[in-house]
Amino acid sequence: MLAMPDRQLDLVQGRGSSPRFSVVMPTYNRAHVVWKAINSILAQTHEDWELIVVDDESTDATLRVLEEFRDPRIQVVSVPHGGPSRARNAGLERARGTYVAYLDSDNTWTPRFLESFAAKIAGSDDVMWHCGRTMAVWERRLDRTWHLVDERTQPARGLAEEDVWALHAPDVNCLVHRTDAARRVDGWDPDCTWIEDWDFFLRLWLANEGRCGHLPALLVEYRQVHGEGADGICAEFREDVNRELEARRYLIEKWRDHEEFDPSCLRRSRDELAPVRADRRKSINAR
C-alpha cells in the first residue's frame, strides 16, 4: 500500500463503521486513464464508499499517478502481476463494505451510479444487481489518430437462467453484489483469463438461486480500444489467438459436467478466430 500522510492514516483508521460500498479497481499500465476512473468515483453523489485500487505490477507511471489522490477513502495495493481476476480477489479480500462494485481503470461511472444502486438495494432480497451501460469502441490507426468505430447503449434487463448459461452475463463494471456472497463462492477464478466476469456471475447466480435485480438505467461509460497503442491486459489478449483458444478450452472443461452448459457456445477454431483479428488489423492499417 502506498504511504499516506499521518493525518490521512488517522482518518482512515478512525472511520468507525464500515462503508456501505467497497469499490474494487484492478489496474495495469493505465497511467493515462486511471485518473478519469477514480475521478468518476470521487464525483459520486452517494459518498459512503471505499475504493481499493489494486495495481497489477504496472511498469508505467500508474503508481505515480495514484500518489496524487489524497482522499482517505482510497487505498492502493500492489500485487505481483497475475491478471484481472487475481487483482480483483486481492481487492475483495480487503473489502470492508456490505456490497462490492467494480470499476476497471479505463471506464467511468455516471455520478449517480452508487446512489441508484443504494436505492435499488434498499428493501431488496436479492444478492446481486446490475445496470445498463453506454459502450464505445475505438481504433487507433498507424498515424496514431483515434477513430470511433462503434457506439451503442445497452440497458440492463431481467435475466433467466438460460440467458446466463448462454453467456449473457452483466459486464463487471455494471455489477454490484453482496460481499459475503462473493466470498462464499471463493471469489474470482484466478485461472479464468477470458470472460471471467461471466464465470464469476454464473457461480453467484447458481449459489443464490438467481436472486438478481436490475436497473435499466445507463450508469456505466464503457470504453474498448483496438489497434496500435491499445492499452491493458485485455486489449493485448484480444490480439492473441492462442491465448483465447486456451482460455475457451479451460471454461469448456470447467463447466462440461453441468447439463445446462452447451460447449458449442464457447467452441471456436483457430480458423474462425484468426481472420477476425487479421481483418481488424488490415482495416486499421489501411485507413
C-alpha atoms as a PDB file:
ATOM      1  CA  MET A   1       0.000   0.000   0.000  1.00  0.00           C
ATOM      2  CA  LEU A   2       1.224   3.476  -0.758  1.00  0.00           C
ATOM      3  CA  ALA A   3       2.175   5.582   2.224  1.00  0.00           C
ATOM      4  CA  MET A   4      -0.162   8.470   3.069  1.00  0.00           C
ATOM      5  CA  PRO A   5       0.361  11.432   5.377  1.00  0.00           C
ATOM      6  CA  ASP A   6      -0.194  10.626   9.063  1.00  0.00           C
ATOM      7  CA  ARG A   7      -3.316  12.806   9.152  1.00  0.00           C
ATOM      8  CA  GLN A   8      -4.945  10.737   6.435  1.00  0.00           C
ATOM      9  CA  LEU A   9      -3.937   7.454   8.027  1.00  0.00           C
ATOM     10  CA  ASP A  10      -5.653   8.634  11.213  1.00  0.00           C
ATOM     11  CA  LEU A  11      -8.788   9.456   9.231  1.00  0.00           C
ATOM     12  CA  VAL A  12      -8.820   6.031   7.595  1.00  0.00           C
ATOM     13  CA  GLN A  13      -8.240   4.154  10.843  1.00  0.00           C
ATOM     14  CA  GLY A  14     -10.787   6.270  12.695  1.00  0.00           C
ATOM     15  CA  ARG A  15     -13.708   5.986  10.308  1.00  0.00           C
ATOM     16  CA  GLY A  16     -15.564   3.659  12.640  1.00  0.00           C
ATOM     17  CA  SER A  17     -18.312   1.783  10.844  1.00  0.00           C
ATOM     18  CA  SER A  18     -17.598   0.051   7.556  1.00  0.00           C
ATOM     19  CA  PRO A  19     -18.638   1.765   4.317  1.00  0.00           C
ATOM     20  CA  ARG A  20     -21.727   0.616   2.501  1.00  0.00           C
ATOM     21  CA  PHE A  21     -19.848   0.024  -0.774  1.00  0.00           C
ATOM     22  CA  SER A  22     -16.364  -1.277  -1.454  1.00  0.00           C
ATOM     23  CA  VAL A  23     -15.234  -0.418  -4.993  1.00  0.00           C
ATOM     24  CA  VAL A  24     -12.523  -2.679  -6.425  1.00  0.00           C
ATOM     25  CA  MET A  25     -10.423  -1.316  -9.288  1.00  0.00           C
ATOM     26  CA  PRO A  26      -7.711  -3.502 -10.859  1.00  0.00           C
ATOM     27  CA  THR A  27      -5.230  -1.585 -12.985  1.00  0.00           C
ATOM     28  CA  TYR A  28      -2.236  -2.366 -15.163  1.00  0.00           C
ATOM     29  CA  ASN A  29      -0.236   0.241 -17.105  1.00  0.00           C
ATOM     30  CA  ARG A  30      -3.135   2.668 -17.205  1.00  0.00           C
ATOM     31  CA  ALA A  31      -1.463   5.881 -16.018  1.00  0.00           C
ATOM     32  CA  HIS A  32      -3.091   7.792 -18.880  1.00  0.00           C
ATOM     33  CA  VAL A  33      -6.695   6.888 -17.949  1.00  0.00           C
ATOM     34  CA  VAL A  34      -6.844   5.627 -14.349  1.00  0.00           C
ATOM     35  CA  TRP A  35      -7.283   9.182 -13.061  1.00  0.00           C
ATOM     36  CA  LYS A  36     -10.529   9.519 -15.035  1.00  0.00           C
ATOM     37  CA  ALA A  37     -11.921   6.345 -13.492  1.00  0.00           C
ATOM     38  CA  ILE A  38     -11.036   7.488  -9.967  1.00  0.00           C
ATOM     39  CA  ASN A  39     -12.456  10.959 -10.550  1.00  0.00           C
ATOM     40  CA  SER A  40     -15.773   9.377 -11.546  1.00  0.00           C
ATOM     41  CA  ILE A  41     -15.870   7.680  -8.135  1.00  0.00           C
ATOM     42  CA  LEU A  42     -14.937  10.878  -6.320  1.00  0.00           C
ATOM     43  CA  ALA A  43     -17.868  12.525  -8.133  1.00  0.00           C
ATOM     44  CA  GLN A  44     -20.417  10.046  -6.768  1.00  0.00           C
ATOM     45  CA  THR A  45     -23.450  11.635  -5.104  1.00  0.00           C
ATOM     46  CA  HIS A  46     -23.515   8.718  -2.648  1.00  0.00           C
ATOM     47  CA  GLU A  47     -20.388   9.173  -0.547  1.00  0.00           C
ATOM     48  CA  ASP A  48     -20.390   6.091   1.714  1.00  0.00           C
ATOM     49  CA  TRP A  49     -17.724   4.119  -0.124  1.00  0.00           C
ATOM     50  CA  GLU A  50     -14.132   2.957  -0.069  1.00  0.00           C
ATOM     51  CA  LEU A  51     -12.009   2.465  -3.171  1.00  0.00           C
ATOM     52  CA  ILE A  52      -9.414  -0.302  -3.312  1.00  0.00           C
ATOM     53  CA  VAL A  53      -7.112   0.190  -6.297  1.00  0.00           C
ATOM     54  CA  VAL A  54      -5.106  -2.962  -7.000  1.00  0.00           C
ATOM     55  CA  ASP A  55      -2.036  -2.311  -9.130  1.00  0.00           C
ATOM     56  CA  ASP A  56      -1.085  -5.457 -11.062  1.00  0.00           C
ATOM     57  CA  GLU A  57       2.653  -4.628 -11.097  1.00  0.00           C
ATOM     58  CA  SER A  58       2.431  -1.800 -13.627  1.00  0.00           C
ATOM     59  CA  THR A  59       5.634  -0.794 -15.395  1.00  0.00           C
ATOM     60  CA  ASP A  60       4.484   2.689 -16.406  1.00  0.00           C
ATOM     61  CA  ALA A  61       3.669   5.707 -14.229  1.00  0.00           C
ATOM     62  CA  THR A  62       0.423   4.286 -12.816  1.00  0.00           C
ATOM     63  CA  LEU A  63       1.646   4.228  -9.214  1.00  0.00           C
ATOM     64  CA  ARG A  64       2.961   7.762  -9.513  1.00  0.00           C
ATOM     65  CA  VAL A  65      -0.431   8.964 -10.733  1.00  0.00           C
ATOM     66  CA  LEU A  66      -2.167   7.161  -7.863  1.00  0.00           C
ATOM     67  CA  GLU A  67       0.011   9.014  -5.358  1.00  0.00           C
ATOM     68  CA  GLU A  68      -1.769  12.231  -6.331  1.00  0.00           C
ATOM     69  CA  PHE A  69      -5.072  11.079  -4.825  1.00  0.00           C
ATOM     70  CA  ARG A  70      -5.289  12.031  -1.155  1.00  0.00           C
ATOM     71  CA  ASP A  71      -8.866  11.094  -0.311  1.00  0.00           C
ATOM     72  CA  PRO A  72      -8.724   8.893   2.823  1.00  0.00           C
ATOM     73  CA  ARG A  73     -11.357   6.565   1.336  1.00  0.00           C
ATOM     74  CA  ILE A  74      -8.835   5.442  -1.298  1.00  0.00           C
ATOM     75  CA  GLN A  75      -6.237   2.770  -0.657  1.00  0.00           C
ATOM     76  CA  VAL A  76      -3.741   1.392  -3.152  1.00  0.00           C
ATOM     77  CA  VAL A  77      -2.480  -2.187  -3.059  1.00  0.00           C
ATOM     78  CA  SER A  78       0.376  -3.520  -5.197  1.00  0.00           C
ATOM     79  CA  VAL A  79       0.362  -7.217  -6.121  1.00  0.00           C
ATOM     80  CA  PRO A  80       2.580  -9.423  -8.327  1.00  0.00           C
ATOM     81  CA  HIS A  81       1.464  -9.441 -11.954  1.00  0.00           C
ATOM     82  CA  GLY A  82      -1.279 -12.036 -12.263  1.00  0.00           C
ATOM     83  CA  GLY A  83      -4.156 -10.659 -14.318  1.00  0.00           C
ATOM     84  CA  PRO A  84      -7.510  -9.040 -13.521  1.00  0.00           C
ATOM     85  CA  SER A  85      -9.088 -11.964 -11.633  1.00  0.00           C
ATOM     86  CA  ARG A  86      -6.218 -12.220  -9.166  1.00  0.00           C
ATOM     87  CA  ALA A  87      -6.212  -8.445  -8.768  1.00  0.00           C
ATOM     88  CA  ARG A  88      -9.961  -8.370  -8.070  1.00  0.00           C
ATOM     89  CA  ASN A  89      -9.533 -11.120  -5.480  1.00  0.00           C
ATOM     90  CA  ALA A  90      -6.899  -9.009  -3.730  1.00  0.00           C
ATOM     91  CA  GLY A  91      -9.427  -6.179  -3.560  1.00  0.00           C
ATOM     92  CA  LEU A  92     -12.234  -8.478  -2.449  1.00  0.00           C
ATOM     93  CA  GLU A  93     -10.094  -9.790   0.410  1.00  0.00           C
ATOM     94  CA  ARG A  94      -9.688  -6.236   1.717  1.00  0.00           C
ATOM     95  CA  ALA A  95     -13.272  -5.096   1.161  1.00  0.00           C
ATOM     96  CA  ARG A  96     -14.997  -3.830   4.325  1.00  0.00           C
ATOM     97  CA  GLY A  97     -18.271  -2.800   2.725  1.00  0.00           C
ATOM     98  CA  THR A  98     -21.536  -4.718   2.760  1.00  0.00           C
ATOM     99  CA  TYR A  99     -21.593  -4.521  -1.034  1.00  0.00           C
ATOM    100  CA  VAL A 100     -18.870  -4.699  -3.670  1.00  0.00           C
ATOM    101  CA  ALA A 101     -18.820  -2.892  -7.003  1.00  0.00           C
ATOM    102  CA  TYR A 102     -16.134  -2.991  -9.681  1.00  0.00           C
ATOM    103  CA  LEU A 103     -14.768  -0.329 -11.976  1.00  0.00           C
ATOM    104  CA  ASP A 104     -11.991  -1.122 -14.437  1.00  0.00           C
ATOM    105  CA  SER A 105      -9.435   1.627 -14.723  1.00  0.00           C
ATOM    106  CA  ASP A 106     -10.303   2.568 -18.320  1.00  0.00           C
ATOM    107  CA  ASN A 107     -14.028   3.059 -17.688  1.00  0.00           C
ATOM    108  CA  THR A 108     -16.149   5.540 -15.742  1.00  0.00           C
ATOM    109  CA  TRP A 109     -19.399   5.697 -13.799  1.00  0.00           C
ATOM    110  CA  THR A 110     -22.032   8.379 -14.021  1.00  0.00           C
ATOM    111  CA  PRO A 111     -22.318  10.418 -10.779  1.00  0.00           C
ATOM    112  CA  ARG A 112     -25.456   8.619  -9.571  1.00  0.00           C
ATOM    113  CA  PHE A 113     -24.163   5.057 -10.001  1.00  0.00           C
ATOM    114  CA  LEU A 114     -23.845   4.273  -6.285  1.00  0.00           C
ATOM    115  CA  GLU A 115     -26.893   6.348  -5.322  1.00  0.00           C
ATOM    116  CA  SER A 116     -29.021   4.421  -7.825  1.00  0.00           C
ATOM    117  CA  PHE A 117     -27.821   1.056  -6.555  1.00  0.00           C
ATOM    118  CA  ALA A 118     -28.307   2.095  -2.922  1.00  0.00           C
ATOM    119  CA  ALA A 119     -31.944   2.922  -3.688  1.00  0.00           C
ATOM    120  CA  LYS A 120     -32.455  -0.349  -5.583  1.00  0.00           C
ATOM    121  CA  ILE A 121     -30.869  -2.433  -2.838  1.00  0.00           C
ATOM    122  CA  ALA A 122     -33.000  -0.900  -0.064  1.00  0.00           C
ATOM    123  CA  GLY A 123     -35.593  -3.467   0.962  1.00  0.00           C
ATOM    124  CA  SER A 124     -34.403  -5.951  -1.688  1.00  0.00           C
ATOM    125  CA  ASP A 125     -33.934  -9.672  -1.028  1.00  0.00           C
ATOM    126  CA  ASP A 126     -31.604 -10.025  -3.996  1.00  0.00           C
ATOM    127  CA  VAL A 127     -27.907 -10.804  -3.691  1.00  0.00           C
ATOM    128  CA  MET A 128     -26.647  -9.090  -6.847  1.00  0.00           C
ATOM    129  CA  TRP A 129     -27.753  -6.285  -9.131  1.00  0.00           C
ATOM    130  CA  HIS A 130     -26.685  -4.880 -12.497  1.00  0.00           C
ATOM    131  CA  CYS A 131     -27.297  -1.767 -14.571  1.00  0.00           C
ATOM    132  CA  GLY A 132     -27.058  -0.647 -18.186  1.00  0.00           C
ATOM    133  CA  ARG A 133     -24.126   0.960 -19.957  1.00  0.00           C
ATOM    134  CA  THR A 134     -23.098   3.030 -22.922  1.00  0.00           C
ATOM    135  CA  MET A 135     -20.347   1.401 -24.987  1.00  0.00           C
ATOM    136  CA  ALA A 136     -17.771   2.970 -27.300  1.00  0.00           C
ATOM    137  CA  VAL A 137     -15.224   1.014 -29.347  1.00  0.00           C
ATOM    138  CA  TRP A 138     -12.191   2.897 -30.641  1.00  0.00           C
ATOM    139  CA  GLU A 139      -9.414   2.019 -33.091  1.00  0.00           C
ATOM    140  CA  ARG A 140      -6.014   3.650 -33.170  1.00  0.00           C
ATOM    141  CA  ARG A 141      -4.526   3.796 -36.643  1.00  0.00           C
ATOM    142  CA  LEU A 142      -0.915   3.797 -37.709  1.00  0.00           C
ATOM    143  CA  ASP A 143      -0.927   7.597 -37.949  1.00  0.00           C
ATOM    144  CA  ARG A 144      -1.771   7.494 -34.189  1.00  0.00           C
ATOM    145  CA  THR A 145      -5.207   9.054 -34.643  1.00  0.00           C
ATOM    146  CA  TRP A 146      -8.221   7.633 -32.807  1.00  0.00           C
ATOM    147  CA  HIS A 147     -11.447   6.735 -34.601  1.00  0.00           C
ATOM    148  CA  LEU A 148     -14.796   5.751 -33.112  1.00  0.00           C
ATOM    149  CA  VAL A 149     -15.945   2.565 -34.871  1.00  0.00           C
ATOM    150  CA  ASP A 150     -18.916   1.522 -32.738  1.00  0.00           C
ATOM    151  CA  GLU A 151     -21.164   3.215 -30.209  1.00  0.00           C
ATOM    152  CA  ARG A 152     -24.290   1.822 -28.590  1.00  0.00           C
ATOM    153  CA  THR A 153     -26.471   1.833 -25.491  1.00  0.00           C
ATOM    154  CA  GLN A 154     -27.150  -1.385 -23.584  1.00  0.00           C
ATOM    155  CA  PRO A 155     -29.896  -1.029 -20.944  1.00  0.00           C
ATOM    156  CA  ALA A 156     -29.990  -3.801 -18.357  1.00  0.00           C
ATOM    157  CA  ARG A 157     -32.807  -6.336 -18.465  1.00  0.00           C
ATOM    158  CA  GLY A 158     -34.007  -9.162 -16.262  1.00  0.00           C
ATOM    159  CA  LEU A 159     -32.172 -12.438 -16.785  1.00  0.00           C
ATOM    160  CA  ALA A 160     -33.371 -16.038 -16.835  1.00  0.00           C
ATOM    161  CA  GLU A 161     -31.034 -18.919 -16.093  1.00  0.00           C
ATOM    162  CA  GLU A 162     -30.924 -19.949 -19.751  1.00  0.00           C
ATOM    163  CA  ASP A 163     -29.671 -16.451 -20.573  1.00  0.00           C
ATOM    164  CA  VAL A 164     -26.773 -16.809 -18.167  1.00  0.00           C
ATOM    165  CA  TRP A 165     -25.785 -20.232 -19.486  1.00  0.00           C
ATOM    166  CA  ALA A 166     -25.796 -18.661 -22.969  1.00  0.00           C
ATOM    167  CA  LEU A 167     -23.088 -16.185 -21.837  1.00  0.00           C
ATOM    168  CA  HIS A 168     -25.496 -13.259 -21.283  1.00  0.00           C
ATOM    169  CA  ALA A 169     -23.965 -12.009 -18.057  1.00  0.00           C
ATOM    170  CA  PRO A 170     -23.560  -8.380 -16.957  1.00  0.00           C
ATOM    171  CA  ASP A 171     -20.297  -6.631 -17.634  1.00  0.00           C
ATOM    172  CA  VAL A 172     -18.265  -6.449 -14.426  1.00  0.00           C
ATOM    173  CA  ASN A 173     -18.390  -2.640 -14.414  1.00  0.00           C
ATOM    174  CA  CYS A 174     -22.201  -2.841 -14.180  1.00  0.00           C
ATOM    175  CA  LEU A 175     -22.314  -5.374 -11.335  1.00  0.00           C
ATOM    176  CA  VAL A 176     -22.876  -4.912  -7.589  1.00  0.00           C
ATOM    177  CA  HIS A 177     -23.146  -7.867  -5.190  1.00  0.00           C
ATOM    178  CA  ARG A 178     -23.161  -8.645  -1.508  1.00  0.00           C
ATOM    179  CA  THR A 179     -19.606  -9.060  -0.245  1.00  0.00           C
ATOM    180  CA  ASP A 180     -20.341 -12.225   1.709  1.00  0.00           C
ATOM    181  CA  ALA A 181     -21.922 -13.852  -1.363  1.00  0.00           C
ATOM    182  CA  ALA A 182     -18.708 -13.494  -3.361  1.00  0.00           C
ATOM    183  CA  ARG A 183     -16.636 -14.937  -0.555  1.00  0.00           C
ATOM    184  CA  ARG A 184     -18.915 -17.961  -0.316  1.00  0.00           C
ATOM    185  CA  VAL A 185     -18.126 -18.832  -3.955  1.00  0.00           C
ATOM    186  CA  ASP A 186     -14.379 -18.239  -3.394  1.00  0.00           C
ATOM    187  CA  GLY A 187     -14.293 -15.024  -5.389  1.00  0.00           C
ATOM    188  CA  TRP A 188     -12.892 -14.794  -8.886  1.00  0.00           C
ATOM    189  CA  ASP A 189     -11.288 -17.798 -10.574  1.00  0.00           C
ATOM    190  CA  PRO A 190      -7.619 -16.795 -10.999  1.00  0.00           C
ATOM    191  CA  ASP A 191      -7.164 -19.393 -13.744  1.00  0.00           C
ATOM    192  CA  CYS A 192     -10.006 -17.983 -15.828  1.00  0.00           C
ATOM    193  CA  THR A 193      -8.488 -15.487 -18.261  1.00  0.00           C
ATOM    194  CA  TRP A 194     -11.356 -14.845 -20.694  1.00  0.00           C
ATOM    195  CA  ILE A 195     -14.962 -13.751 -19.965  1.00  0.00           C
ATOM    196  CA  GLU A 196     -14.077 -14.171 -16.308  1.00  0.00           C
ATOM    197  CA  ASP A 197     -16.997 -11.901 -15.412  1.00  0.00           C
ATOM    198  CA  TRP A 198     -19.395 -14.484 -16.905  1.00  0.00           C
ATOM    199  CA  ASP A 199     -17.782 -17.301 -14.925  1.00  0.00           C
ATOM    200  CA  PHE A 200     -17.968 -15.270 -11.698  1.00  0.00           C
ATOM    201  CA  PHE A 201     -21.562 -14.167 -12.298  1.00  0.00           C
ATOM    202  CA  LEU A 202     -22.664 -17.710 -13.171  1.00  0.00           C
ATOM    203  CA  ARG A 203     -21.265 -19.052  -9.900  1.00  0.00           C
ATOM    204  CA  LEU A 204     -23.001 -16.268  -7.949  1.00  0.00           C
ATOM    205  CA  TRP A 205     -26.236 -16.994  -9.805  1.00  0.00           C
ATOM    206  CA  LEU A 206     -26.154 -20.752  -9.108  1.00  0.00           C
ATOM    207  CA  ALA A 207     -25.193 -20.315  -5.457  1.00  0.00           C
ATOM    208  CA  ASN A 208     -28.045 -17.848  -4.848  1.00  0.00           C
ATOM    209  CA  GLU A 209     -30.859 -19.292  -6.975  1.00  0.00           C
ATOM    210  CA  GLY A 210     -30.740 -16.417  -9.435  1.00  0.00           C
ATOM    211  CA  ARG A 211     -31.532 -13.680  -6.917  1.00  0.00           C
ATOM    212  CA  CYS A 212     -30.521 -10.853  -9.211  1.00  0.00           C
ATOM    213  CA  GLY A 213     -32.104  -7.426  -9.640  1.00  0.00           C
ATOM    214  CA  HIS A 214     -31.516  -4.954 -12.431  1.00  0.00           C
ATOM    215  CA  LEU A 215     -31.557  -1.214 -13.093  1.00  0.00           C
ATOM    216  CA  PRO A 216     -32.240  -0.418 -16.774  1.00  0.00           C
ATOM    217  CA  ALA A 217     -30.505   2.973 -16.315  1.00  0.00           C
ATOM    218  CA  LEU A 218     -27.263   3.591 -18.243  1.00  0.00           C
ATOM    219  CA  LEU A 219     -24.864   4.191 -15.349  1.00  0.00           C
ATOM    220  CA  VAL A 220     -21.560   2.973 -16.855  1.00  0.00           C
ATOM    221  CA  GLU A 221     -19.499   4.520 -19.643  1.00  0.00           C
ATOM    222  CA  TYR A 222     -17.600   1.588 -21.110  1.00  0.00           C
ATOM    223  CA  ARG A 223     -14.577   2.010 -23.378  1.00  0.00           C
ATOM    224  CA  GLN A 224     -12.806  -0.563 -25.552  1.00  0.00           C
ATOM    225  CA  VAL A 225      -9.771   0.070 -27.722  1.00  0.00           C
ATOM    226  CA  HIS A 226      -8.063  -1.745 -30.586  1.00  0.00           C
ATOM    227  CA  GLY A 227      -5.040  -1.149 -32.748  1.00  0.00           C
ATOM    228  CA  GLU A 228      -1.646   0.479 -32.293  1.00  0.00           C
ATOM    229  CA  GLY A 229      -1.194   1.544 -28.675  1.00  0.00           C
ATOM    230  CA  ALA A 230      -4.183  -0.369 -27.315  1.00  0.00           C
ATOM    231  CA  ASP A 231      -3.745  -0.410 -23.561  1.00  0.00           C
ATOM    232  CA  GLY A 232      -4.083  -3.019 -20.848  1.00  0.00           C
ATOM    233  CA  ILE A 233      -4.056  -6.785 -20.479  1.00  0.00           C
ATOM    234  CA  CYS A 234      -7.440  -7.334 -22.088  1.00  0.00           C
ATOM    235  CA  ALA A 235      -6.544  -5.417 -25.242  1.00  0.00           C
ATOM    236  CA  GLU A 236      -3.365  -7.457 -25.629  1.00  0.00           C
ATOM    237  CA  PHE A 237      -5.275 -10.678 -25.032  1.00  0.00           C
ATOM    238  CA  ARG A 238      -7.767  -9.915 -27.808  1.00  0.00           C
ATOM    239  CA  GLU A 239      -4.959  -9.980 -30.351  1.00  0.00           C
ATOM    240  CA  ASP A 240      -3.601 -13.404 -29.277  1.00  0.00           C
ATOM    241  CA  VAL A 241      -5.486 -16.326 -30.842  1.00  0.00           C
ATOM    242  CA  ASN A 242      -3.551 -18.959 -28.891  1.00  0.00           C
ATOM    243  CA  ARG A 243      -4.393 -17.412 -25.540  1.00  0.00           C
ATOM    244  CA  GLU A 244      -8.067 -17.112 -26.376  1.00  0.00           C
ATOM    245  CA  LEU A 245      -8.276 -20.723 -27.576  1.00  0.00           C
ATOM    246  CA  GLU A 246      -6.620 -21.908 -24.378  1.00  0.00           C
ATOM    247  CA  ALA A 247      -8.998 -19.839 -22.268  1.00  0.00           C
ATOM    248  CA  ARG A 248     -12.032 -21.170 -24.123  1.00  0.00           C
ATOM    249  CA  ARG A 249     -10.834 -24.745 -23.577  1.00  0.00           C
ATOM    250  CA  TYR A 250     -10.391 -24.048 -19.875  1.00  0.00           C
ATOM    251  CA  LEU A 251     -14.007 -22.915 -19.480  1.00  0.00           C
ATOM    252  CA  ILE A 252     -15.361 -25.823 -21.522  1.00  0.00           C
ATOM    253  CA  GLU A 253     -13.524 -28.269 -19.286  1.00  0.00           C
ATOM    254  CA  LYS A 254     -14.614 -26.441 -16.139  1.00  0.00           C
ATOM    255  CA  TRP A 255     -18.352 -26.458 -16.922  1.00  0.00           C
ATOM    256  CA  ARG A 256     -18.678 -29.583 -19.089  1.00  0.00           C
ATOM    257  CA  ASP A 257     -20.353 -31.701 -16.390  1.00  0.00           C
ATOM    258  CA  HIS A 258     -23.288 -29.303 -15.977  1.00  0.00           C
ATOM    259  CA  GLU A 259     -26.187 -30.487 -18.098  1.00  0.00           C
ATOM    260  CA  GLU A 260     -27.338 -26.909 -18.786  1.00  0.00           C
ATOM    261  CA  PHE A 261     -23.993 -25.998 -20.328  1.00  0.00           C
ATOM    262  CA  ASP A 262     -23.700 -26.086 -24.122  1.00  0.00           C
ATOM    263  CA  PRO A 263     -19.990 -26.177 -25.018  1.00  0.00           C
ATOM    264  CA  SER A 264     -20.747 -25.079 -28.579  1.00  0.00           C
ATOM    265  CA  CYS A 265     -21.263 -21.515 -27.314  1.00  0.00           C
ATOM    266  CA  LEU A 266     -17.564 -21.430 -26.422  1.00  0.00           C
ATOM    267  CA  ARG A 267     -16.008 -23.612 -29.109  1.00  0.00           C
ATOM    268  CA  ARG A 268     -14.208 -21.733 -31.861  1.00  0.00           C
ATOM    269  CA  SER A 269     -11.452 -22.879 -34.176  1.00  0.00           C
ATOM    270  CA  ARG A 270      -8.248 -21.066 -34.953  1.00  0.00           C
ATOM    271  CA  ASP A 271      -9.584 -20.545 -38.477  1.00  0.00           C
ATOM    272  CA  GLU A 272     -12.641 -18.780 -37.071  1.00  0.00           C
ATOM    273  CA  LEU A 273     -10.734 -16.507 -34.688  1.00  0.00           C
ATOM    274  CA  ALA A 274      -7.644 -15.547 -36.683  1.00  0.00           C
ATOM    275  CA  PRO A 275      -9.433 -13.816 -39.610  1.00  0.00           C
ATOM    276  CA  VAL A 276     -11.296 -11.510 -37.222  1.00  0.00           C
ATOM    277  CA  ARG A 277      -8.035 -10.164 -35.866  1.00  0.00           C
ATOM    278  CA  ALA A 278      -6.395 -10.047 -39.296  1.00  0.00           C
ATOM    279  CA  ASP A 279      -9.321  -8.140 -40.795  1.00  0.00           C
ATOM    280  CA  ARG A 280      -9.288  -5.664 -37.923  1.00  0.00           C
ATOM    281  CA  ARG A 281      -5.562  -5.031 -38.226  1.00  0.00           C
ATOM    282  CA  LYS A 282      -5.860  -4.689 -42.020  1.00  0.00           C
ATOM    283  CA  SER A 283      -8.735  -2.243 -41.584  1.00  0.00           C
ATOM    284  CA  ILE A 284      -6.837  -0.175 -39.027  1.00  0.00           C
ATOM    285  CA  ASN A 285      -3.660  -0.026 -41.089  1.00  0.00           C
ATOM    286  CA  ALA A 286      -5.376   0.799 -44.359  1.00  0.00           C
ATOM    287  CA  ARG A 287      -7.296   3.851 -43.182  1.00  0.00           C
END
